[in-house]
Amino acid sequence: MLTVLALVLSSFLAYGPEEYVVEDAKGGGKKLIEYNGDSGELVIPDELNITEIGDSVFTGSNITKVKSNTVKKIGFKAFFGTSIVEVDFPNAEMIGGYAFSDCSSLKSVDFPQVKIIEKFAFYDCSFLESVRFPATLKIEECVFAGCSRLESVYFPSVKIIGFSAFSGCENLSSFLGNPNVTAIGVNAFTTYNDSRIPLSFDVETYLGFKVVSTTYGHEYAKIEVG
């Protein structure tokens, strides 16, 4: 009985500093499931080997800056609705749904290793102006929808852009994308209030797709060369 209890406690414990409550992560390392500290500017110690931030861990907190060299996965609603200004996760590979949604103080983000951005990850970040994701292959639905101040986008590796991914990004003017994009979802680049109206953003020039208007909004078809 004591052996079983010890095993349970070893996978769910306050590890190192008492403010970090972790459990074993599926892919190795530790998963942060609760943060009890009160620091607004947080640097997660490398020695804790936290590779994953769990769902809703910082939702409702006063966090404004966060840095971690070990985190690879950011969970669902991890920073939802916070006043975060600066994020630094140089080795993160996946951003979960709604992870930074409604973070109205966030102005720019740079995730050099992220491969997949799940749905609504940055939804309604109304002051977000520039984003840089050099390794991202897939942008899921509504990831940047409602980011009305977003101007500059850097996605040189992206292959798939999901449904309404940039809907409502009325100020989008610069999109460095992959000329080999294979699919763009319905209404990926339309106005927020009326999906029948496309953004002024030039999908054909930047991504090699043409807009086909439909009853339900806009579909995008790859322009065949040659």
C-alpha atoms as a PDB file:
ATOM      1  CA  MET A   1       0.000   0.000   0.000  1.00  0.00           C
ATOM      2  CA  LEU A   2       2.784   2.405   0.934  1.00  0.00           C
ATOM      3  CA  THR A   3       4.588   1.596  -2.324  1.00  0.00           C
ATOM      4  CA  VAL A   4       1.484   2.452  -4.375  1.00  0.00           C
ATOM      5  CA  LEU A   5       1.015   5.699  -2.467  1.00  0.00           C
ATOM      6  CA  ALA A   6       4.639   6.633  -3.066  1.00  0.00           C
ATOM      7  CA  LEU A   7       4.247   6.052  -6.807  1.00  0.00           C
ATOM      8  CA  VAL A   8       1.152   8.266  -6.914  1.00  0.00           C
ATOM      9  CA  LEU A   9       2.897  11.047  -5.033  1.00  0.00           C
ATOM     10  CA  SER A  10       5.942  10.823  -7.298  1.00  0.00           C
ATOM     11  CA  SER A  11       3.836  11.627 -10.362  1.00  0.00           C
ATOM     12  CA  PHE A  12       1.840  14.450  -8.726  1.00  0.00           C
ATOM     13  CA  LEU A  13       3.734  16.759  -6.421  1.00  0.00           C
ATOM     14  CA  ALA A  14       4.905  20.241  -5.667  1.00  0.00           C
ATOM     15  CA  TYR A  15       8.319  19.983  -7.265  1.00  0.00           C
ATOM     16  CA  GLY A  16      11.204  22.217  -6.300  1.00  0.00           C
ATOM     17  CA  PRO A  17       9.839  25.655  -5.440  1.00  0.00           C
ATOM     18  CA  GLU A  18       6.445  25.173  -3.771  1.00  0.00           C
ATOM     19  CA  GLU A  19       4.647  27.384  -6.272  1.00  0.00           C
ATOM     20  CA  TYR A  20       5.143  24.822  -9.069  1.00  0.00           C
ATOM     21  CA  VAL A  21       2.755  21.852  -8.924  1.00  0.00           C
ATOM     22  CA  VAL A  22       3.640  19.256 -11.542  1.00  0.00           C
ATOM     23  CA  GLU A  23       3.005  15.736 -12.731  1.00  0.00           C
ATOM     24  CA  ASP A  24       4.812  13.492 -15.178  1.00  0.00           C
ATOM     25  CA  ALA A  25       4.298  14.582 -18.794  1.00  0.00           C
ATOM     26  CA  LYS A  26       3.423  11.898 -21.351  1.00  0.00           C
ATOM     27  CA  GLY A  27       6.333  12.759 -23.607  1.00  0.00           C
ATOM     28  CA  GLY A  28       8.871  13.027 -20.799  1.00  0.00           C
ATOM     29  CA  GLY A  29       9.721  15.797 -18.394  1.00  0.00           C
ATOM     30  CA  LYS A  30       7.115  17.444 -16.180  1.00  0.00           C
ATOM     31  CA  LYS A  31       3.711  18.990 -16.830  1.00  0.00           C
ATOM     32  CA  LEU A  32       2.868  22.149 -14.905  1.00  0.00           C
ATOM     33  CA  ILE A  33      -0.713  21.744 -13.678  1.00  0.00           C
ATOM     34  CA  GLU A  34      -0.854  24.558 -11.151  1.00  0.00           C
ATOM     35  CA  TYR A  35       1.139  27.663 -10.347  1.00  0.00           C
ATOM     36  CA  ASN A  36       0.738  29.129  -6.854  1.00  0.00           C
ATOM     37  CA  GLY A  37       3.212  31.978  -7.097  1.00  0.00           C
ATOM     38  CA  ASP A  38       2.333  35.646  -7.354  1.00  0.00           C
ATOM     39  CA  SER A  39       5.107  36.868  -9.623  1.00  0.00           C
ATOM     40  CA  GLY A  40       3.936  38.857 -12.617  1.00  0.00           C
ATOM     41  CA  GLU A  41       7.221  38.226 -14.430  1.00  0.00           C
ATOM     42  CA  LEU A  42       8.040  34.543 -14.434  1.00  0.00           C
ATOM     43  CA  VAL A  43      11.160  32.659 -15.521  1.00  0.00           C
ATOM     44  CA  ILE A  44      10.534  28.921 -15.167  1.00  0.00           C
ATOM     45  CA  PRO A  45      13.751  27.273 -13.900  1.00  0.00           C
ATOM     46  CA  ASP A  46      15.335  24.885 -16.406  1.00  0.00           C
ATOM     47  CA  GLU A  47      16.146  22.388 -13.651  1.00  0.00           C
ATOM     48  CA  LEU A  48      12.421  21.719 -13.123  1.00  0.00           C
ATOM     49  CA  ASN A  49      12.353  20.245 -16.644  1.00  0.00           C
ATOM     50  CA  ILE A  50       8.817  21.487 -17.276  1.00  0.00           C
ATOM     51  CA  THR A  51       8.056  20.471 -20.854  1.00  0.00           C
ATOM     52  CA  GLU A  52       4.337  21.173 -20.834  1.00  0.00           C
ATOM     53  CA  ILE A  53       2.078  23.880 -19.442  1.00  0.00           C
ATOM     54  CA  GLY A  54      -1.275  22.358 -18.566  1.00  0.00           C
ATOM     55  CA  ASP A  55      -4.756  23.616 -19.363  1.00  0.00           C
ATOM     56  CA  SER A  56      -5.798  26.968 -17.865  1.00  0.00           C
ATOM     57  CA  VAL A  57      -2.760  27.105 -15.551  1.00  0.00           C
ATOM     58  CA  PHE A  58      -2.345  30.886 -15.716  1.00  0.00           C
ATOM     59  CA  THR A  59      -5.936  31.879 -16.533  1.00  0.00           C
ATOM     60  CA  GLY A  60      -7.012  34.548 -14.049  1.00  0.00           C
ATOM     61  CA  SER A  61      -3.450  35.242 -12.887  1.00  0.00           C
ATOM     62  CA  ASN A  62      -1.552  38.549 -12.899  1.00  0.00           C
ATOM     63  CA  ILE A  63       1.206  37.259 -15.168  1.00  0.00           C
ATOM     64  CA  THR A  64       2.670  39.768 -17.644  1.00  0.00           C
ATOM     65  CA  LYS A  65       5.899  38.075 -18.786  1.00  0.00           C
ATOM     66  CA  VAL A  66       6.927  34.431 -18.997  1.00  0.00           C
ATOM     67  CA  LYS A  67      10.047  32.602 -20.188  1.00  0.00           C
ATOM     68  CA  SER A  68      10.978  28.934 -20.383  1.00  0.00           C
ATOM     69  CA  ASN A  69      13.705  27.125 -22.315  1.00  0.00           C
ATOM     70  CA  THR A  70      12.206  23.670 -21.670  1.00  0.00           C
ATOM     71  CA  VAL A  71       8.492  24.026 -22.468  1.00  0.00           C
ATOM     72  CA  LYS A  72       7.459  22.232 -25.671  1.00  0.00           C
ATOM     73  CA  LYS A  73       3.676  22.255 -25.346  1.00  0.00           C
ATOM     74  CA  ILE A  74       1.355  25.055 -24.230  1.00  0.00           C
ATOM     75  CA  GLY A  75      -2.024  23.735 -23.136  1.00  0.00           C
ATOM     76  CA  PHE A  76      -5.641  24.704 -23.757  1.00  0.00           C
ATOM     77  CA  LYS A  77      -6.453  28.175 -22.369  1.00  0.00           C
ATOM     78  CA  ALA A  78      -3.075  28.255 -20.615  1.00  0.00           C
ATOM     79  CA  PHE A  79      -2.930  32.082 -20.617  1.00  0.00           C
ATOM     80  CA  PHE A  80      -6.529  32.836 -21.607  1.00  0.00           C
ATOM     81  CA  GLY A  81      -7.633  36.398 -20.872  1.00  0.00           C
ATOM     82  CA  THR A  82      -4.479  37.435 -19.033  1.00  0.00           C
ATOM     83  CA  SER A  83      -2.644  40.756 -19.332  1.00  0.00           C
ATOM     84  CA  ILE A  84       0.476  39.059 -20.628  1.00  0.00           C
ATOM     85  CA  VAL A  85       2.776  41.341 -22.613  1.00  0.00           C
ATOM     86  CA  GLU A  86       5.782  39.155 -23.402  1.00  0.00           C
ATOM     87  CA  VAL A  87       6.168  35.405 -23.997  1.00  0.00           C
ATOM     88  CA  ASP A  88       9.452  33.604 -24.626  1.00  0.00           C
ATOM     89  CA  PHE A  89       9.227  29.881 -25.395  1.00  0.00           C
ATOM     90  CA  PRO A  90      12.083  29.245 -27.861  1.00  0.00           C
ATOM     91  CA  ASN A  91      11.562  25.465 -27.880  1.00  0.00           C
ATOM     92  CA  ALA A  92       7.745  25.241 -27.843  1.00  0.00           C
ATOM     93  CA  GLU A  93       6.406  23.012 -30.636  1.00  0.00           C
ATOM     94  CA  MET A  94       2.641  23.188 -30.124  1.00  0.00           C
ATOM     95  CA  ILE A  95       0.230  25.875 -28.953  1.00  0.00           C
ATOM     96  CA  GLY A  96      -3.117  24.592 -27.698  1.00  0.00           C
ATOM     97  CA  GLY A  97      -6.580  25.949 -28.426  1.00  0.00           C
ATOM     98  CA  TYR A  98      -7.446  29.332 -26.887  1.00  0.00           C
ATOM     99  CA  ALA A  99      -3.998  29.376 -25.229  1.00  0.00           C
ATOM    100  CA  PHE A 100      -3.575  33.161 -25.618  1.00  0.00           C
ATOM    101  CA  SER A 101      -7.119  34.075 -26.616  1.00  0.00           C
ATOM    102  CA  ASP A 102      -8.360  37.465 -25.400  1.00  0.00           C
ATOM    103  CA  CYS A 103      -4.889  38.587 -24.267  1.00  0.00           C
ATOM    104  CA  SER A 104      -5.449  42.226 -25.123  1.00  0.00           C
ATOM    105  CA  SER A 105      -2.011  43.440 -23.981  1.00  0.00           C
ATOM    106  CA  LEU A 106      -0.056  41.133 -26.287  1.00  0.00           C
ATOM    107  CA  LYS A 107       1.481  43.076 -29.191  1.00  0.00           C
ATOM    108  CA  SER A 108       3.911  40.671 -30.836  1.00  0.00           C
ATOM    109  CA  VAL A 109       4.874  36.999 -30.627  1.00  0.00           C
ATOM    110  CA  ASP A 110       7.785  34.951 -31.946  1.00  0.00           C
ATOM    111  CA  PHE A 111       7.738  31.151 -31.706  1.00  0.00           C
ATOM    112  CA  PRO A 112      10.714  29.775 -33.678  1.00  0.00           C
ATOM    113  CA  GLN A 113       9.921  26.049 -33.230  1.00  0.00           C
ATOM    114  CA  VAL A 114       6.120  25.809 -33.141  1.00  0.00           C
ATOM    115  CA  LYS A 115       4.756  23.364 -35.738  1.00  0.00           C
ATOM    116  CA  ILE A 116       1.017  23.465 -35.014  1.00  0.00           C
ATOM    117  CA  ILE A 117      -1.212  26.263 -33.727  1.00  0.00           C
ATOM    118  CA  GLU A 118      -4.559  24.920 -32.569  1.00  0.00           C
ATOM    119  CA  LYS A 119      -7.924  26.619 -33.023  1.00  0.00           C
ATOM    120  CA  PHE A 120      -8.619  30.054 -31.523  1.00  0.00           C
ATOM    121  CA  ALA A 121      -5.106  30.177 -29.995  1.00  0.00           C
ATOM    122  CA  PHE A 122      -4.799  33.965 -30.403  1.00  0.00           C
ATOM    123  CA  TYR A 123      -8.469  34.755 -30.973  1.00  0.00           C
ATOM    124  CA  ASP A 124      -9.455  38.366 -30.286  1.00  0.00           C
ATOM    125  CA  CYS A 125      -5.994  39.572 -29.246  1.00  0.00           C
ATOM    126  CA  SER A 126      -7.078  43.048 -30.222  1.00  0.00           C
ATOM    127  CA  PHE A 127      -3.657  44.728 -29.903  1.00  0.00           C
ATOM    128  CA  LEU A 128      -1.566  42.026 -31.568  1.00  0.00           C
ATOM    129  CA  GLU A 129       0.394  43.662 -34.414  1.00  0.00           C
ATOM    130  CA  SER A 130       2.998  41.153 -35.608  1.00  0.00           C
ATOM    131  CA  VAL A 131       3.547  37.402 -35.420  1.00  0.00           C
ATOM    132  CA  ARG A 132       6.520  35.264 -36.403  1.00  0.00           C
ATOM    133  CA  PHE A 133       6.309  31.472 -36.764  1.00  0.00           C
ATOM    134  CA  PRO A 134       9.135  30.284 -39.062  1.00  0.00           C
ATOM    135  CA  ALA A 135       8.520  26.539 -38.494  1.00  0.00           C
ATOM    136  CA  THR A 136       4.709  26.348 -38.369  1.00  0.00           C
ATOM    137  CA  LEU A 137       3.118  23.877 -40.777  1.00  0.00           C
ATOM    138  CA  LYS A 138      -0.549  24.214 -39.839  1.00  0.00           C
ATOM    139  CA  ILE A 139      -2.717  27.096 -38.631  1.00  0.00           C
ATOM    140  CA  GLU A 140      -6.039  25.726 -37.414  1.00  0.00           C
ATOM    141  CA  GLU A 141      -9.427  27.448 -37.500  1.00  0.00           C
ATOM    142  CA  CYS A 142      -9.918  30.987 -36.190  1.00  0.00           C
ATOM    143  CA  VAL A 143      -6.386  31.172 -34.740  1.00  0.00           C
ATOM    144  CA  PHE A 144      -6.028  34.925 -35.335  1.00  0.00           C
ATOM    145  CA  ALA A 145      -9.689  35.815 -35.887  1.00  0.00           C
ATOM    146  CA  GLY A 146     -10.573  39.203 -34.472  1.00  0.00           C
ATOM    147  CA  CYS A 147      -6.969  40.436 -34.266  1.00  0.00           C
ATOM    148  CA  SER A 148      -7.966  43.721 -35.851  1.00  0.00           C
ATOM    149  CA  ARG A 149      -4.557  45.408 -35.480  1.00  0.00           C
ATOM    150  CA  LEU A 150      -2.522  42.541 -36.911  1.00  0.00           C
ATOM    151  CA  GLU A 151      -0.373  43.891 -39.742  1.00  0.00           C
ATOM    152  CA  SER A 152       2.697  41.694 -40.240  1.00  0.00           C
ATOM    153  CA  VAL A 153       2.688  37.895 -40.493  1.00  0.00           C
ATOM    154  CA  TYR A 154       5.670  35.550 -41.002  1.00  0.00           C
ATOM    155  CA  PHE A 155       4.856  31.926 -41.865  1.00  0.00           C
ATOM    156  CA  PRO A 156       7.464  30.749 -44.418  1.00  0.00           C
ATOM    157  CA  SER A 157       6.796  27.035 -43.809  1.00  0.00           C
ATOM    158  CA  VAL A 158       3.006  26.894 -43.465  1.00  0.00           C
ATOM    159  CA  LYS A 159       1.145  24.300 -45.553  1.00  0.00           C
ATOM    160  CA  ILE A 160      -2.440  24.568 -44.281  1.00  0.00           C
ATOM    161  CA  ILE A 161      -4.394  27.673 -43.241  1.00  0.00           C
ATOM    162  CA  GLY A 162      -7.667  26.833 -41.542  1.00  0.00           C
ATOM    163  CA  PHE A 163     -11.224  28.124 -41.644  1.00  0.00           C
ATOM    164  CA  SER A 164     -11.487  31.826 -40.665  1.00  0.00           C
ATOM    165  CA  ALA A 165      -7.849  31.766 -39.521  1.00  0.00           C
ATOM    166  CA  PHE A 166      -7.371  35.505 -40.152  1.00  0.00           C
ATOM    167  CA  SER A 167     -11.004  36.602 -40.221  1.00  0.00           C
ATOM    168  CA  GLY A 168     -11.336  40.177 -39.029  1.00  0.00           C
ATOM    169  CA  CYS A 169      -7.671  41.094 -39.486  1.00  0.00           C
ATOM    170  CA  GLU A 170      -8.590  44.299 -41.313  1.00  0.00           C
ATOM    171  CA  ASN A 171      -5.093  45.787 -41.108  1.00  0.00           C
ATOM    172  CA  LEU A 172      -3.232  42.755 -42.435  1.00  0.00           C
ATOM    173  CA  SER A 173      -0.835  44.095 -45.069  1.00  0.00           C
ATOM    174  CA  SER A 174       2.295  41.911 -44.986  1.00  0.00           C
ATOM    175  CA  PHE A 175       2.169  38.120 -45.178  1.00  0.00           C
ATOM    176  CA  LEU A 176       5.410  36.268 -45.755  1.00  0.00           C
ATOM    177  CA  GLY A 177       4.064  32.791 -46.433  1.00  0.00           C
ATOM    178  CA  ASN A 178       4.988  29.574 -48.126  1.00  0.00           C
ATOM    179  CA  PRO A 179       4.420  29.536 -51.921  1.00  0.00           C
ATOM    180  CA  ASN A 180       3.705  25.818 -51.491  1.00  0.00           C
ATOM    181  CA  VAL A 181       0.640  26.254 -49.293  1.00  0.00           C
ATOM    182  CA  THR A 182      -1.685  23.363 -50.126  1.00  0.00           C
ATOM    183  CA  ALA A 183      -4.997  24.478 -48.613  1.00  0.00           C
ATOM    184  CA  ILE A 184      -6.752  27.597 -47.338  1.00  0.00           C
ATOM    185  CA  GLY A 185     -10.008  27.180 -45.404  1.00  0.00           C
ATOM    186  CA  VAL A 186     -13.285  28.955 -46.104  1.00  0.00           C
ATOM    187  CA  ASN A 187     -13.329  32.609 -45.027  1.00  0.00           C
ATOM    188  CA  ALA A 188      -9.696  32.518 -43.926  1.00  0.00           C
ATOM    189  CA  PHE A 189      -9.265  36.146 -45.008  1.00  0.00           C
ATOM    190  CA  THR A 190     -12.632  37.900 -44.653  1.00  0.00           C
ATOM    191  CA  THR A 191     -13.957  40.723 -42.528  1.00  0.00           C
ATOM    192  CA  TYR A 192     -15.083  39.932 -39.015  1.00  0.00           C
ATOM    193  CA  ASN A 193     -18.703  41.072 -39.267  1.00  0.00           C
ATOM    194  CA  ASP A 194     -19.507  39.956 -42.807  1.00  0.00           C
ATOM    195  CA  SER A 195     -17.890  36.824 -44.236  1.00  0.00           C
ATOM    196  CA  ARG A 196     -18.985  37.828 -47.744  1.00  0.00           C
ATOM    197  CA  ILE A 197     -16.527  40.734 -47.767  1.00  0.00           C
ATOM    198  CA  PRO A 198     -12.848  39.798 -48.305  1.00  0.00           C
ATOM    199  CA  LEU A 199      -9.992  41.624 -46.619  1.00  0.00           C
ATOM    200  CA  SER A 200      -7.929  43.957 -48.773  1.00  0.00           C
ATOM    201  CA  PHE A 201      -5.079  41.487 -48.212  1.00  0.00           C
ATOM    202  CA  ASP A 202      -3.924  40.117 -51.603  1.00  0.00           C
ATOM    203  CA  VAL A 203      -4.228  36.330 -51.279  1.00  0.00           C
ATOM    204  CA  GLU A 204      -3.252  35.794 -54.910  1.00  0.00           C
ATOM    205  CA  THR A 205       0.031  37.714 -54.734  1.00  0.00           C
ATOM    206  CA  TYR A 206       1.178  36.421 -51.371  1.00  0.00           C
ATOM    207  CA  LEU A 207      -0.081  32.821 -51.403  1.00  0.00           C
ATOM    208  CA  GLY A 208      -0.927  31.951 -54.989  1.00  0.00           C
ATOM    209  CA  PHE A 209      -4.642  31.344 -54.404  1.00  0.00           C
ATOM    210  CA  LYS A 210      -7.685  32.879 -56.031  1.00  0.00           C
ATOM    211  CA  VAL A 211     -10.908  33.729 -54.238  1.00  0.00           C
ATOM    212  CA  VAL A 212     -14.111  31.978 -55.265  1.00  0.00           C
ATOM    213  CA  SER A 213     -17.186  33.653 -53.793  1.00  0.00           C
ATOM    214  CA  THR A 214     -19.937  31.350 -52.544  1.00  0.00           C
ATOM    215  CA  THR A 215     -23.247  31.677 -50.777  1.00  0.00           C
ATOM    216  CA  TYR A 216     -21.511  31.005 -47.467  1.00  0.00           C
ATOM    217  CA  GLY A 217     -18.489  33.256 -47.917  1.00  0.00           C
ATOM    218  CA  HIS A 218     -15.200  32.745 -49.691  1.00  0.00           C
ATOM    219  CA  GLU A 219     -13.447  29.607 -50.764  1.00  0.00           C
ATOM    220  CA  TYR A 220      -9.870  29.625 -52.023  1.00  0.00           C
ATOM    221  CA  ALA A 221      -8.489  27.669 -54.958  1.00  0.00           C
ATOM    222  CA  LYS A 222      -4.832  27.175 -55.810  1.00  0.00           C
ATOM    223  CA  ILE A 223      -3.732  28.962 -58.975  1.00  0.00           C
ATOM    224  CA  GLU A 224      -2.175  26.406 -61.279  1.00  0.00           C
ATOM    225  CA  VAL A 225       1.078  27.548 -62.912  1.00  0.00           C
ATOM    226  CA  GLY A 226       1.965  26.467 -66.470  1.00  0.00           C
END
